[in-house]
C-alpha atoms as a PDB file:
ATOM      1  CA  MET A   1      31.358  23.099 -52.657  1.00  0.00           C
ATOM      2  CA  ASN A   2      33.002  25.885 -50.630  1.00  0.00           C
ATOM      3  CA  GLN A   3      33.286  24.456 -47.038  1.00  0.00           C
ATOM      4  CA  LYS A   4      34.107  27.543 -45.322  1.00  0.00           C
ATOM      5  CA  SER A   5      32.054  30.143 -42.931  1.00  0.00           C
ATOM      6  CA  GLY A   6      32.139  33.862 -43.712  1.00  0.00           C
ATOM      7  CA  ARG A   7      35.567  34.152 -41.887  1.00  0.00           C
ATOM      8  CA  GLY A   8      37.138  31.430 -43.818  1.00  0.00           C
ATOM      9  CA  ILE A   9      36.847  28.689 -41.181  1.00  0.00           C
ATOM     10  CA  PRO A  10      35.989  25.628 -42.590  1.00  0.00           C
ATOM     11  CA  VAL A  11      32.298  24.441 -41.361  1.00  0.00           C
ATOM     12  CA  ARG A  12      33.261  21.167 -39.797  1.00  0.00           C
ATOM     13  CA  VAL A  13      35.676  23.029 -37.551  1.00  0.00           C
ATOM     14  CA  VAL A  14      32.826  25.269 -36.261  1.00  0.00           C
ATOM     15  CA  LEU A  15      30.785  22.158 -36.141  1.00  0.00           C
ATOM     16  CA  ALA A  16      33.495  20.304 -33.897  1.00  0.00           C
ATOM     17  CA  LEU A  17      33.661  23.445 -31.933  1.00  0.00           C
ATOM     18  CA  ALA A  18      29.932  24.021 -31.334  1.00  0.00           C
ATOM     19  CA  MET A  19      29.886  19.888 -30.543  1.00  0.00           C
ATOM     20  CA  VAL A  20      32.376  20.186 -27.913  1.00  0.00           C
ATOM     21  CA  GLY A  21      30.958  23.436 -26.803  1.00  0.00           C
ATOM     22  CA  LEU A  22      28.132  21.859 -26.178  1.00  0.00           C
ATOM     23  CA  LEU A  23      28.866  18.508 -24.871  1.00  0.00           C
ATOM     24  CA  ALA A  24      31.300  20.900 -21.811  1.00  0.00           C
ATOM     25  CA  ALA A  25      28.226  22.392 -21.037  1.00  0.00           C
ATOM     26  CA  CYS A  26      26.376  19.184 -20.458  1.00  0.00           C
ATOM     27  CA  GLY A  27      28.773  17.816 -18.407  1.00  0.00           C
ATOM     28  CA  GLN A  28      28.865  20.676 -16.243  1.00  0.00           C
ATOM     29  CA  ASN A  29      25.272  21.195 -15.110  1.00  0.00           C
ATOM     30  CA  GLY A  30      25.197  17.585 -14.516  1.00  0.00           C
ATOM     31  CA  THR A  31      23.208  16.483 -17.508  1.00  0.00           C
ATOM     32  CA  ASN A  32      24.303  13.877 -19.934  1.00  0.00           C
ATOM     33  CA  GLU A  33      22.030  13.198 -23.446  1.00  0.00           C
ATOM     34  CA  ALA A  34      19.625  11.208 -22.228  1.00  0.00           C
ATOM     35  CA  GLY A  35      18.120  14.039 -20.159  1.00  0.00           C
ATOM     36  CA  TYR A  36      18.790  12.566 -16.536  1.00  0.00           C
ATOM     37  CA  ILE A  37      20.101  14.874 -14.036  1.00  0.00           C
ATOM     38  CA  SER A  38      22.711  13.796 -11.922  1.00  0.00           C
ATOM     39  CA  GLY A  39      21.754  14.428  -8.338  1.00  0.00           C
ATOM     40  CA  ASP A  40      24.738  17.019  -5.968  1.00  0.00           C
ATOM     41  CA  GLY A  41      25.109  13.958  -3.763  1.00  0.00           C
ATOM     42  CA  ARG A  42      23.618  16.458  -0.633  1.00  0.00           C
ATOM     43  CA  THR A  43      22.132  14.285   2.337  1.00  0.00           C
ATOM     44  CA  GLN A  44      19.003  15.719   4.525  1.00  0.00           C
ATOM     45  CA  GLU A  45      17.550  14.540   7.421  1.00  0.00           C
ATOM     46  CA  ILE A  46      13.554  16.207   8.002  1.00  0.00           C
ATOM     47  CA  PRO A  47      12.686  16.926  11.344  1.00  0.00           C
ATOM     48  CA  VAL A  48       9.888  14.438  12.617  1.00  0.00           C
ATOM     49  CA  ALA A  49       7.731  17.702  13.254  1.00  0.00           C
ATOM     50  CA  ASP A  50       8.755  18.872   9.542  1.00  0.00           C
ATOM     51  CA  ARG A  51       7.866  15.455   7.585  1.00  0.00           C
ATOM     52  CA  GLY A  52       4.817  15.701   6.223  1.00  0.00           C
ATOM     53  CA  GLU A  53       1.625  13.069   4.967  1.00  0.00           C
ATOM     54  CA  PRO A  54       2.874   9.605   4.384  1.00  0.00           C
ATOM     55  CA  VAL A  55       3.950   8.771   0.798  1.00  0.00           C
ATOM     56  CA  GLU A  56       1.374   6.652  -1.188  1.00  0.00           C
ATOM     57  CA  ILE A  57       2.875   4.489  -4.025  1.00  0.00           C
ATOM     58  CA  THR A  58       1.123   2.255  -5.556  1.00  0.00           C
ATOM     59  CA  GLY A  59       1.519   0.644  -9.214  1.00  0.00           C
ATOM     60  CA  LYS A  60       3.348  -2.724 -10.440  1.00  0.00           C
ATOM     61  CA  THR A  61       6.617  -4.376 -10.024  1.00  0.00           C
ATOM     62  CA  LEU A  62       8.928  -4.915 -12.910  1.00  0.00           C
ATOM     63  CA  GLU A  63       7.695  -8.521 -12.312  1.00  0.00           C
ATOM     64  CA  GLY A  64       3.873  -7.448 -12.716  1.00  0.00           C
ATOM     65  CA  LYS A  65       2.892  -8.402  -9.457  1.00  0.00           C
ATOM     66  CA  PRO A  66       0.961  -5.186  -7.443  1.00  0.00           C
ATOM     67  CA  PHE A  67       2.851  -3.217  -5.127  1.00  0.00           C
ATOM     68  CA  ASP A  68       1.111  -0.712  -2.293  1.00  0.00           C
ATOM     69  CA  LEU A  69       3.697   1.200  -0.568  1.00  0.00           C
ATOM     70  CA  ALA A  70       1.654   0.721   2.432  1.00  0.00           C
ATOM     71  CA  ASP A  71       2.170  -2.888   3.126  1.00  0.00           C
ATOM     72  CA  THR A  72       5.774  -1.515   4.078  1.00  0.00           C
ATOM     73  CA  ARG A  73       4.421   1.178   6.916  1.00  0.00           C
ATOM     74  CA  GLY A  74       5.799  -0.432  10.551  1.00  0.00           C
ATOM     75  CA  LYS A  75       9.574  -0.376   8.873  1.00  0.00           C
ATOM     76  CA  VAL A  76      11.853   1.634   7.644  1.00  0.00           C
ATOM     77  CA  THR A  77      11.594   1.830   4.191  1.00  0.00           C
ATOM     78  CA  VAL A  78      14.483   2.719   1.776  1.00  0.00           C
ATOM     79  CA  LEU A  79      12.811   4.193  -2.186  1.00  0.00           C
ATOM     80  CA  ASN A  80      16.017   4.048  -4.190  1.00  0.00           C
ATOM     81  CA  VAL A  81      15.097   5.903  -7.884  1.00  0.00           C
ATOM     82  CA  TRP A  82      17.578   4.028 -10.769  1.00  0.00           C
ATOM     83  CA  TRP A  83      17.427   3.049 -14.352  1.00  0.00           C
ATOM     84  CA  THR A  84      19.820   0.726 -16.221  1.00  0.00           C
ATOM     85  CA  GLY A  85      21.328   3.700 -18.116  1.00  0.00           C
ATOM     86  CA  CYS A  86      22.711   5.639 -14.654  1.00  0.00           C
ATOM     87  CA  ALA A  87      26.381   4.470 -14.077  1.00  0.00           C
ATOM     88  CA  PRO A  88      25.990   5.950 -10.261  1.00  0.00           C
ATOM     89  CA  CYS A  89      22.822   3.867  -9.997  1.00  0.00           C
ATOM     90  CA  ARG A  90      25.107   0.546 -10.914  1.00  0.00           C
ATOM     91  CA  LYS A  91      27.864   1.250  -8.412  1.00  0.00           C
ATOM     92  CA  GLU A  92      25.359   1.611  -5.405  1.00  0.00           C
ATOM     93  CA  MET A  93      23.007  -1.263  -6.658  1.00  0.00           C
ATOM     94  CA  PRO A  94      25.706  -3.511  -4.677  1.00  0.00           C
ATOM     95  CA  MET A  95      25.789  -1.901  -1.478  1.00  0.00           C
ATOM     96  CA  LEU A  96      21.714  -1.401  -1.280  1.00  0.00           C
ATOM     97  CA  GLN A  97      21.176  -5.552  -2.095  1.00  0.00           C
ATOM     98  CA  ALA A  98      23.923  -5.977   0.952  1.00  0.00           C
ATOM     99  CA  ALA A  99      21.965  -3.657   3.238  1.00  0.00           C
ATOM    100  CA  ASN A 100      18.646  -5.639   2.188  1.00  0.00           C
ATOM    101  CA  GLU A 101      20.362  -8.849   3.124  1.00  0.00           C
ATOM    102  CA  GLU A 102      21.297  -6.778   6.730  1.00  0.00           C
ATOM    103  CA  LEU A 103      18.602  -5.333   7.229  1.00  0.00           C
ATOM    104  CA  GLY A 104      15.586  -6.924   5.425  1.00  0.00           C
ATOM    105  CA  ASP A 105      13.817  -8.119   8.242  1.00  0.00           C
ATOM    106  CA  GLU A 106      13.625  -4.660  10.288  1.00  0.00           C
ATOM    107  CA  VAL A 107      13.715  -2.383   6.982  1.00  0.00           C
ATOM    108  CA  ALA A 108      12.192  -2.445   3.946  1.00  0.00           C
ATOM    109  CA  PHE A 109      14.024  -1.733   0.426  1.00  0.00           C
ATOM    110  CA  VAL A 110      12.008  -0.643  -2.995  1.00  0.00           C
ATOM    111  CA  GLY A 111      13.454   0.477  -6.410  1.00  0.00           C
ATOM    112  CA  LEU A 112      11.862   3.395  -8.183  1.00  0.00           C
ATOM    113  CA  ASN A 113      12.457   2.667 -11.871  1.00  0.00           C
ATOM    114  CA  THR A 114      11.658   5.125 -13.965  1.00  0.00           C
ATOM    115  CA  ARG A 115      13.172   5.463 -17.498  1.00  0.00           C
ATOM    116  CA  ASP A 116      13.745   1.744 -18.352  1.00  0.00           C
ATOM    117  CA  ALA A 117      11.627   2.105 -22.160  1.00  0.00           C
ATOM    118  CA  SER A 118      10.612  -1.798 -20.893  1.00  0.00           C
ATOM    119  CA  ALA A 119      10.395  -3.712 -17.974  1.00  0.00           C
ATOM    120  CA  ALA A 120      12.650  -6.155 -18.950  1.00  0.00           C
ATOM    121  CA  GLN A 121      15.407  -3.989 -19.080  1.00  0.00           C
ATOM    122  CA  GLY A 122      15.105  -4.013 -15.247  1.00  0.00           C
ATOM    123  CA  GLN A 123      14.706  -7.168 -14.517  1.00  0.00           C
ATOM    124  CA  ALA A 124      17.875  -7.926 -16.236  1.00  0.00           C
ATOM    125  CA  PHE A 125      19.692  -5.253 -14.403  1.00  0.00           C
ATOM    126  CA  GLU A 126      18.331  -6.471 -11.194  1.00  0.00           C
ATOM    127  CA  ARG A 127      19.792 -10.165 -11.923  1.00  0.00           C
ATOM    128  CA  HIS A 128      22.909  -9.099 -12.750  1.00  0.00           C
ATOM    129  CA  TYR A 129      23.363  -7.450  -9.589  1.00  0.00           C
ATOM    130  CA  GLY A 130      21.496  -9.915  -7.389  1.00  0.00           C
ATOM    131  CA  VAL A 131      18.694  -7.649  -6.753  1.00  0.00           C
ATOM    132  CA  GLU A 132      15.982  -9.585  -4.182  1.00  0.00           C
ATOM    133  CA  TYR A 133      13.828  -6.690  -3.353  1.00  0.00           C
ATOM    134  CA  PRO A 134      10.821  -4.924  -5.284  1.00  0.00           C
ATOM    135  CA  SER A 135      10.979  -2.416  -7.904  1.00  0.00           C
ATOM    136  CA  VAL A 136       7.911  -0.503  -9.111  1.00  0.00           C
ATOM    137  CA  TYR A 137       8.364   0.178 -12.852  1.00  0.00           C
ATOM    138  CA  SER A 138       7.476   3.626 -13.611  1.00  0.00           C
ATOM    139  CA  PRO A 139       8.703   4.923 -16.922  1.00  0.00           C
ATOM    140  CA  ASP A 140       6.559   8.197 -16.728  1.00  0.00           C
ATOM    141  CA  GLY A 141       8.181   9.005 -12.769  1.00  0.00           C
ATOM    142  CA  ALA A 142       4.309   8.789 -11.682  1.00  0.00           C
ATOM    143  CA  ALA A 143       6.120   7.003  -8.231  1.00  0.00           C
ATOM    144  CA  VAL A 144       8.557   9.874  -7.581  1.00  0.00           C
ATOM    145  CA  LEU A 145       6.319  12.772  -7.984  1.00  0.00           C
ATOM    146  CA  ALA A 146       4.495  10.634  -5.221  1.00  0.00           C
ATOM    147  CA  LEU A 147       7.371  11.750  -3.017  1.00  0.00           C
ATOM    148  CA  LYS A 148       5.414  15.593  -3.620  1.00  0.00           C
ATOM    149  CA  GLY A 149       8.251  17.651  -4.436  1.00  0.00           C
ATOM    150  CA  SER A 150      11.209  15.893  -2.328  1.00  0.00           C
ATOM    151  CA  LEU A 151      13.307  14.469  -5.388  1.00  0.00           C
ATOM    152  CA  ALA A 152      13.381  16.371  -8.601  1.00  0.00           C
ATOM    153  CA  PRO A 153      11.383  13.515 -11.243  1.00  0.00           C
ATOM    154  CA  ARG A 154      14.724  13.424 -13.429  1.00  0.00           C
ATOM    155  CA  ALA A 155      17.409  13.679 -10.743  1.00  0.00           C
ATOM    156  CA  ILE A 156      18.868   9.942 -10.568  1.00  0.00           C
ATOM    157  CA  PRO A 157      19.876   8.079  -8.439  1.00  0.00           C
ATOM    158  CA  ALA A 158      17.919   9.507  -5.476  1.00  0.00           C
ATOM    159  CA  THR A 159      17.087   7.936  -2.066  1.00  0.00           C
ATOM    160  CA  ALA A 160      14.523   8.468   0.387  1.00  0.00           C
ATOM    161  CA  ILE A 161      14.451   7.024   3.438  1.00  0.00           C
ATOM    162  CA  LEU A 162      10.898   6.673   5.002  1.00  0.00           C
ATOM    163  CA  ASP A 163       9.930   6.157   8.889  1.00  0.00           C
ATOM    164  CA  THR A 164       7.877   3.649  10.191  1.00  0.00           C
ATOM    165  CA  GLN A 165       4.685   5.766   8.936  1.00  0.00           C
ATOM    166  CA  GLY A 166       5.752   6.357   5.649  1.00  0.00           C
ATOM    167  CA  ARG A 167       6.854   9.580   5.996  1.00  0.00           C
ATOM    168  CA  VAL A 168       9.665  11.106   4.526  1.00  0.00           C
ATOM    169  CA  ALA A 169      12.797  11.139   7.236  1.00  0.00           C
ATOM    170  CA  ALA A 170      15.714  11.508   4.938  1.00  0.00           C
ATOM    171  CA  LEU A 171      16.991  12.432   1.241  1.00  0.00           C
ATOM    172  CA  ILE A 172      20.229  11.672  -1.198  1.00  0.00           C
ATOM    173  CA  ARG A 173      20.049  13.404  -3.483  1.00  0.00           C
ATOM    174  CA  GLY A 174      22.359  11.746  -6.354  1.00  0.00           C
ATOM    175  CA  GLU A 175      24.749   8.595  -5.227  1.00  0.00           C
ATOM    176  CA  ILE A 176      24.586   7.342  -1.960  1.00  0.00           C
ATOM    177  CA  PRO A 177      27.951   8.185  -0.165  1.00  0.00           C
ATOM    178  CA  SER A 178      28.883   4.938   1.679  1.00  0.00           C
ATOM    179  CA  ALA A 179      27.034   2.278   3.214  1.00  0.00           C
ATOM    180  CA  ARG A 180      27.644   3.679   6.575  1.00  0.00           C
ATOM    181  CA  THR A 181      26.067   6.995   5.700  1.00  0.00           C
ATOM    182  CA  LEU A 182      22.604   4.744   4.569  1.00  0.00           C
ATOM    183  CA  ASP A 183      23.085   3.172   7.563  1.00  0.00           C
ATOM    184  CA  THR A 184      22.997   5.940   9.855  1.00  0.00           C
ATOM    185  CA  LEU A 185      19.883   7.345   8.431  1.00  0.00           C
ATOM    186  CA  ILE A 186      18.134   4.331   8.461  1.00  0.00           C
ATOM    187  CA  THR A 187      18.931   4.185  11.792  1.00  0.00           C
ATOM    188  CA  ALA A 188      18.002   7.978  12.402  1.00  0.00           C
ATOM    189  CA  ALA A 189      14.546   7.645  10.307  1.00  0.00           C
ATOM    190  CA  GLY A 190      13.451   4.089  12.919  1.00  0.00           C
ATOM    191  CA  SER A 191      14.212   6.353  16.016  1.00  0.00           C
ATOM    192  CA  GLY A 192      12.114   9.290  15.021  1.00  0.00           C
ATOM    193  CA  GLY A 193       9.304   8.392  13.440  1.00  0.00           C
ATOM    194  CA  LYS A 194       7.018   7.051  16.012  1.00  0.00           C
ATOM    195  CA  ASP A 195       4.139   8.658  17.508  1.00  0.00           C
ATOM    196  CA  PRO A 196       5.604   9.857  20.873  1.00  0.00           C
ATOM    197  CA  ALA A 197       3.577   7.577  23.542  1.00  0.00           C
END
């Protein structure tokens, strides 16, 4: 059987070059073969006057317990979107757990697990990284959609910081740059989230 294309180049060479081009294109736009889009790393603070309505998320945690985000009102809340197949998620998880240990009395930390095929995968991930705060299991991405366009549903990792009223006060699209950035955004959300007296 002749394995050459019309110009005398072997078909497997053409296919290999096409595959290299396809993989290079995927790498340039931040996607991978799993279909998620990595964030661009931008942080955004939302002025108090521009914050929308409180975010409403209900569902079940990875352990199957009922969860209602309204229960965190009165505290600044860090919502972190993650998935076990996301390398930046694995990198930032120890930082989030350390912040939870340091600030857990004043700040609520909540994970949003959006792509794992089973809750057991997410539970194993949390055990591995010693994560002690709850994660809502939302494989269909509904939990991220509750943020009403603040974050792209397929952009992982991503973090939304809610003020004490449950409104989006800050966003990190992509991996959290540093513990200092996280702390600064949490502090700003806490100082600006209350109604004026």
